[in-house]
Protein backbone atom coordinates (compact mmCIF):
# COMPACT_ATOMS: atom_id res chain seq x y z
CA UNK A 1 98.46 58.71 117.44
CA UNK A 2 97.82 58.00 113.79
CA UNK A 3 100.83 57.91 111.53
CA UNK A 4 101.40 59.23 108.03
CA UNK A 5 100.48 56.69 105.41
CA UNK A 6 102.38 56.18 102.18
CA UNK A 7 100.07 56.26 99.21
CA UNK A 8 100.36 53.97 96.23
CA UNK A 9 100.57 56.18 93.15
CA UNK A 10 99.26 53.46 90.93
CA UNK A 11 95.91 51.78 91.27
CA UNK A 12 95.41 52.42 94.97
CA UNK A 13 95.74 56.18 94.70
CA UNK A 14 94.02 56.77 91.42
CA UNK A 15 91.18 54.27 91.05
CA UNK A 16 88.30 52.98 93.15
CA UNK A 17 89.13 54.85 96.35
CA UNK A 18 89.69 58.27 94.75
CA UNK A 19 86.22 59.20 93.58
CA UNK A 20 84.08 62.29 93.97
CA UNK A 21 85.85 65.37 95.37
CA UNK A 22 88.69 63.32 96.78
CA UNK A 23 91.58 62.92 94.37
CA UNK A 24 95.14 61.82 94.26
CA UNK A 25 97.59 63.77 96.44
CA UNK A 26 100.08 66.14 94.83
CA UNK A 27 102.81 64.50 92.80
CA UNK A 28 105.38 66.13 95.07
CA UNK A 29 104.31 64.11 98.13
CA UNK A 30 103.51 60.45 98.66
CA UNK A 31 102.48 60.72 102.33
CA UNK A 32 99.01 61.35 103.67
CA UNK A 33 98.01 61.94 107.27
CA UNK A 34 95.10 61.02 109.49
CA UNK A 35 93.16 63.53 111.56
CA UNK A 36 94.98 62.51 114.76
CA UNK A 37 98.41 63.15 113.27
CA UNK A 38 97.32 66.52 111.87
CA UNK A 39 95.80 67.44 115.23
CA UNK A 40 99.10 66.76 117.02
CA UNK A 41 101.20 68.41 114.36
CA UNK A 42 99.25 71.68 114.27
CA UNK A 43 97.93 71.74 117.86
CA UNK A 44 94.36 71.90 116.60
CA UNK A 45 91.84 69.56 118.21
CA UNK A 46 90.45 66.74 116.10
CA UNK A 47 86.91 68.01 116.67
CA UNK A 48 87.92 71.45 115.36
CA UNK A 49 89.49 69.86 112.28
CA UNK A 50 86.29 67.98 111.59
CA UNK A 51 84.24 71.15 112.06
CA UNK A 52 86.44 73.06 109.61
CA UNK A 53 86.04 70.27 107.09
CA UNK A 54 82.29 69.91 107.50
CA UNK A 55 81.33 73.57 107.82
CA UNK A 56 83.97 75.39 105.79
CA UNK A 57 85.38 72.86 103.35
CA UNK A 58 88.94 73.04 104.70
CA UNK A 59 90.03 69.47 105.27
CA UNK A 60 91.39 66.28 103.71
CA UNK A 61 91.26 65.95 99.94
CA UNK A 62 92.37 62.32 99.61
CA UNK A 63 90.49 59.12 100.35
CA UNK A 64 92.04 55.66 100.66
CA UNK A 65 90.65 52.58 98.97
CA UNK A 66 88.96 51.79 102.27
CA UNK A 67 87.18 55.15 102.22
CA UNK A 68 89.23 56.83 104.97
CA UNK A 69 89.89 60.54 104.57
CA UNK A 70 93.54 61.53 104.63
CA UNK A 71 95.30 64.92 104.59
CA UNK A 72 97.97 65.68 101.99
CA UNK A 73 100.75 68.17 102.76
CA UNK A 74 98.87 70.86 100.86
CA UNK A 75 95.72 70.14 102.87
CA UNK A 76 97.75 70.60 106.04
CA UNK A 77 99.12 73.91 104.77
CA UNK A 78 95.56 75.13 104.19
CA UNK A 79 94.56 74.12 107.72
CA UNK A 80 97.63 75.89 109.12
CA UNK A 81 96.83 79.04 107.14
CA UNK A 82 93.26 79.00 108.44
CA UNK A 83 94.55 78.59 112.02
CA UNK A 84 96.88 81.56 111.67
CA UNK A 85 94.22 83.77 110.16
CA UNK A 86 91.80 82.97 112.94
CA UNK A 87 94.38 83.89 115.59
CA UNK A 88 94.67 87.31 113.93
CA UNK A 89 90.95 88.00 114.14
CA UNK A 90 89.86 87.01 110.63
CA UNK A 91 86.40 85.44 110.62
CA UNK A 92 86.20 81.70 110.09
CA UNK A 93 84.26 82.17 106.86
CA UNK A 94 86.84 84.57 105.39
CA UNK A 95 89.78 82.51 106.69
CA UNK A 96 88.37 79.41 105.01
CA UNK A 97 87.75 81.27 101.77
CA UNK A 98 91.37 82.44 101.71
CA UNK A 99 92.72 78.98 102.55
CA UNK A 100 90.60 77.30 99.87
CA UNK A 101 91.55 79.86 97.21
CA UNK A 102 95.32 79.26 97.35
CA UNK A 103 97.46 76.50 95.89
CA UNK A 104 101.15 75.80 95.60
CA UNK A 105 103.13 79.02 95.49
CA UNK A 106 100.21 81.01 96.87
CA UNK A 107 100.13 78.89 100.01
CA UNK A 108 103.89 79.13 100.34
CA UNK A 109 103.73 82.91 100.09
CA UNK A 110 100.89 83.20 102.57
CA UNK A 111 102.68 81.03 105.13
CA UNK A 112 106.10 82.62 104.65
CA UNK A 113 107.06 85.39 107.05
CA UNK A 114 109.49 88.02 105.79
CA UNK A 115 111.65 87.78 108.90
CA UNK A 116 111.62 84.00 109.05
CA UNK A 117 109.16 83.77 111.92
CA UNK A 118 106.76 80.98 110.94
CA UNK A 119 104.13 82.14 113.45
CA UNK A 120 104.04 85.80 112.51
CA UNK A 121 102.08 87.69 109.91
CA UNK A 122 103.80 88.98 106.78
CA UNK A 123 102.76 91.75 104.38
CA UNK A 124 102.35 89.15 101.63
CA UNK A 125 100.05 87.03 103.76
CA UNK A 126 98.06 90.06 104.89
CA UNK A 127 97.59 91.24 101.30
CA UNK A 128 96.53 87.85 99.99
CA UNK A 129 94.02 87.61 102.83
CA UNK A 130 92.63 91.06 102.09
CA UNK A 131 92.40 90.29 98.35
CA UNK A 132 90.48 87.08 98.98
CA UNK A 133 88.13 88.71 101.48
CA UNK A 134 87.49 91.72 99.23
CA UNK A 135 88.28 94.21 102.01
CA UNK A 136 89.08 97.34 99.98
CA UNK A 137 89.84 99.55 102.97
CA UNK A 138 92.29 97.02 104.36
CA UNK A 139 93.88 96.56 100.95
CA UNK A 140 94.44 100.29 100.57
CA UNK A 141 95.93 100.50 104.04
CA UNK A 142 98.25 97.56 103.42
CA UNK A 143 99.41 98.82 100.01
CA UNK A 144 100.10 102.27 101.47
CA UNK A 145 101.96 100.77 104.43
CA UNK A 146 104.19 98.57 102.26
CA UNK A 147 104.99 101.39 99.84
CA UNK A 148 105.88 103.88 102.56
CA UNK A 149 107.96 101.61 104.76
CA UNK A 150 110.57 100.60 102.17
CA UNK A 151 111.94 101.88 98.85
CA UNK A 152 109.52 100.97 96.08
CA UNK A 153 111.90 98.47 94.45
CA UNK A 154 112.17 96.47 97.68
CA UNK A 155 108.40 96.64 98.19
CA UNK A 156 107.87 95.45 94.61
CA UNK A 157 110.44 92.65 94.71
CA UNK A 158 109.59 91.27 98.15
CA UNK A 159 105.83 91.80 98.41
CA UNK A 160 103.91 93.38 95.54
CA UNK A 161 105.19 91.37 92.57
CA UNK A 162 104.69 88.00 94.33
CA UNK A 163 101.17 89.04 95.34
CA UNK A 164 100.31 90.17 91.80
CA UNK A 165 101.68 86.97 90.30
CA UNK A 166 99.57 84.93 92.68
CA UNK A 167 96.49 87.04 91.98
CA UNK A 168 97.01 86.55 88.25
CA UNK A 169 97.44 82.80 88.69
CA UNK A 170 94.31 82.47 90.81
CA UNK A 171 92.10 84.64 88.59
CA UNK A 172 93.21 82.74 85.48
CA UNK A 173 92.97 79.22 86.90
CA UNK A 174 89.23 78.80 86.57
CA UNK A 175 88.56 80.05 90.09
CA UNK A 176 85.57 82.00 88.79
CA UNK A 177 84.38 85.56 88.44
CA UNK A 178 84.80 86.29 92.15
CA UNK A 179 88.57 85.73 92.05
CA UNK A 180 88.89 87.77 88.84
CA UNK A 181 86.89 90.65 90.33
CA UNK A 182 89.00 90.57 93.50
CA UNK A 183 92.22 90.70 91.47
CA UNK A 184 90.91 93.57 89.35
CA UNK A 185 89.85 95.58 92.41
CA UNK A 186 93.21 94.99 94.09
CA UNK A 187 95.09 96.12 90.97
CA UNK A 188 93.06 99.33 90.81
CA UNK A 189 93.80 100.06 94.47
CA UNK A 190 97.51 99.44 93.94
CA UNK A 191 97.49 101.87 90.99
CA UNK A 192 95.88 104.48 93.22
CA UNK A 193 98.49 104.05 95.95
CA UNK A 194 101.37 104.10 93.44
CA UNK A 195 99.99 107.31 91.94
CA UNK A 196 99.80 108.88 95.39
CA UNK A 197 103.37 107.82 96.14
CA UNK A 198 104.61 109.21 92.81
CA UNK A 199 102.96 112.56 93.54
CA UNK A 200 104.58 112.60 96.98
CA UNK A 201 108.05 111.66 95.71
CA UNK A 202 108.01 113.73 92.51
CA UNK A 203 111.02 115.98 92.07
CA UNK A 204 110.39 119.73 91.82
CA UNK A 205 110.22 121.17 88.31
CA UNK A 206 113.75 122.23 87.35
CA UNK A 207 112.90 123.21 83.82
CA UNK A 208 114.07 119.94 82.29
CA UNK A 209 112.43 116.53 82.09
CA UNK A 210 114.84 113.62 82.24
CA UNK A 211 112.29 110.99 81.16
CA UNK A 212 108.95 111.30 79.43
CA UNK A 213 106.79 108.24 80.16
CA UNK A 214 104.06 107.62 77.59
CA UNK A 215 101.70 104.66 77.85
CA UNK A 216 98.87 103.71 75.53
CA UNK A 217 97.45 101.12 77.94
CA UNK A 218 95.31 101.63 81.07
CA UNK A 219 97.23 102.08 84.31
CA UNK A 220 96.20 98.66 85.64
CA UNK A 221 98.01 97.13 82.66
CA UNK A 222 101.14 99.19 83.32
CA UNK A 223 101.80 98.60 87.01
CA UNK A 224 105.45 97.57 86.44
CA UNK A 225 105.94 100.83 84.52
CA UNK A 226 104.48 102.82 87.42
CA UNK A 227 106.82 101.06 89.85
CA UNK A 228 109.72 101.80 87.52
CA UNK A 229 108.86 105.49 87.40
CA UNK A 230 108.57 105.77 91.18
CA UNK A 231 111.92 104.02 91.58
CA UNK A 232 113.58 106.43 89.15
CA UNK A 233 112.03 109.42 90.90
CA UNK A 234 113.34 108.07 94.21
CA UNK A 235 116.76 107.95 92.51
CA UNK A 236 116.54 111.68 91.76
CA UNK A 237 115.25 111.61 88.17
CA UNK A 238 112.65 114.11 87.00
CA UNK A 239 109.79 112.54 85.03
CA UNK A 240 106.55 113.38 83.32
CA UNK A 241 103.81 110.88 82.48
CA UNK A 242 101.08 110.88 79.86
CA UNK A 243 98.52 108.17 79.34
CA UNK A 244 96.19 106.88 76.63
CA UNK A 245 94.63 110.33 76.27
CA UNK A 246 97.57 111.18 73.98
CA UNK A 247 98.02 109.20 70.78
CA UNK A 248 101.36 108.65 69.08
CA UNK A 249 101.17 111.94 67.16
CA UNK A 250 100.50 113.93 70.35
CA UNK A 251 103.29 112.10 72.20
CA UNK A 252 105.68 112.99 69.38
CA UNK A 253 104.67 116.66 69.59
CA UNK A 254 105.16 116.68 73.36
CA UNK A 255 108.57 115.04 73.07
CA UNK A 256 109.60 117.66 70.52
CA UNK A 257 108.56 120.43 72.89
CA UNK A 258 110.01 118.99 76.11
CA UNK A 259 113.19 117.53 74.58
CA UNK A 260 113.64 114.96 77.38
CA UNK A 261 116.77 112.85 77.70
CA UNK A 262 114.68 109.72 77.24
CA UNK A 263 111.25 108.86 75.88
CA UNK A 264 110.00 105.62 77.41
CA UNK A 265 106.83 104.27 75.80
CA UNK A 266 104.59 101.48 77.07
CA UNK A 267 102.42 99.96 74.39
CA UNK A 268 102.77 102.75 71.82
CA UNK A 269 103.44 101.38 68.32
CA UNK A 270 106.30 102.98 66.37
CA UNK A 271 104.05 105.20 64.24
CA UNK A 272 105.53 107.36 61.44
CA UNK A 273 104.92 110.63 63.38
CA UNK A 274 106.75 109.21 66.38
CA UNK A 275 109.64 108.02 64.26
CA UNK A 276 109.91 111.41 62.52
CA UNK A 277 109.88 113.28 65.81
CA UNK A 278 112.57 111.07 67.25
CA UNK A 279 114.74 111.41 64.15
CA UNK A 280 114.55 115.20 64.59
CA UNK A 281 115.62 114.77 68.23
CA UNK A 282 118.45 112.37 67.44
CA UNK A 283 121.37 113.08 69.74
CA UNK A 284 119.02 114.76 72.23
CA UNK A 285 116.39 112.17 73.13
CA UNK A 286 116.79 108.40 73.24
CA UNK A 287 113.84 106.04 72.87
CA UNK A 288 113.13 102.90 74.85
CA UNK A 289 109.98 100.96 74.05
CA UNK A 290 108.79 98.89 77.00
CA UNK A 291 106.19 96.14 77.01
CA UNK A 292 104.85 93.84 79.74
CA UNK A 293 106.56 90.45 79.73
CA UNK A 294 105.49 88.34 82.68
CA UNK A 295 106.98 86.60 84.57
CA UNK A 296 110.13 88.60 83.71
CA UNK A 297 107.99 91.75 84.18
CA UNK A 298 109.02 93.73 81.08
CA UNK A 299 110.99 93.85 77.86
CA UNK A 300 112.93 96.89 76.70
CA UNK A 301 113.63 97.68 73.04
CA UNK A 302 116.27 100.33 72.46
CA UNK A 303 115.17 102.62 69.65
CA UNK A 304 112.75 101.37 67.01
CA UNK A 305 114.90 98.61 65.58
CA UNK A 306 117.37 98.00 68.41
CA UNK A 307 117.92 94.92 70.57
CA UNK A 308 115.29 93.68 73.01
CA UNK A 309 116.19 92.97 76.63
CA UNK A 310 113.93 91.01 78.96
CA UNK A 311 114.32 92.25 82.51
CA UNK A 312 112.64 92.76 85.83
CA UNK A 313 111.84 96.20 87.21
CA UNK A 314 114.81 96.25 89.57
CA UNK A 315 117.36 95.70 86.79
CA UNK A 316 115.47 98.03 84.46
CA UNK A 317 116.16 100.91 86.86
CA UNK A 318 119.90 100.49 86.39
CA UNK A 319 119.57 100.08 82.62
CA UNK A 320 117.56 103.26 82.27
CA UNK A 321 119.73 105.31 84.63
CA UNK A 322 122.62 104.54 82.26
CA UNK A 323 120.68 106.42 79.54
CA UNK A 324 120.04 109.52 81.67
CA UNK A 325 122.87 112.10 81.89
């Protein structure tokens, strides 16, 4: 059986032997592995490994000075992800596309099972696979399943936020238009499922709106805000939402009419009409201006000149509940 080989990070790893598509292994690992060692480690035959490399581009990414191909730890993770996807019925072409599209944290997420079972599928892995394959029906089903099985904050923290972060990383890392289109389509589907969940969970009209949500940005740019609203509704808060169809003046007029306990804006600038309306409602309606702030998810400004707090959605729920009688 071939053994792992320690690479020389100096000339041996970075000069004459590391040309073409084969580069230096990740800085986090100085071991590379031959096909025999990978075969034994993953219980995949050597001939299958060679086929995956030749036909699908999933294989070793490092070459020694002598020209021998060697697997890095990340290469092995890609092979393992492809193996798992194939056992679950994903086509070899789609499995390879998923495995090739992920790096670092994305691979970790795809290989990590929620219950600690390294051989099982996880919602995160399933979603990343569906995003990469462009399967809209499967994406919708998976989003709906995740959102209906657990409270939205748990679904967001454990599955949806990690998936969105990985999608954003992949689409912005030079992966091309295909990755960007896949991320955009997935975001739109998530918005649709969150909207459906909000309609299902919405509290009956009791004649008073606790929180008026007003966003000036498209829904796909306000997903954390949508999650926040669903979480507050699940906590028993009554809400109303308006989007970019209402400008600041119209939002101010609506707030004056509804007299909510809290106006939470997303992207709306503090225009004079909005300031005047809120001054007239002083003591009745508080204002929190929220903005996206990845990776912390959002920032909250209390009032128009108040302090700014960077927070995630989970902590924002508690902060906002403190402002609702």
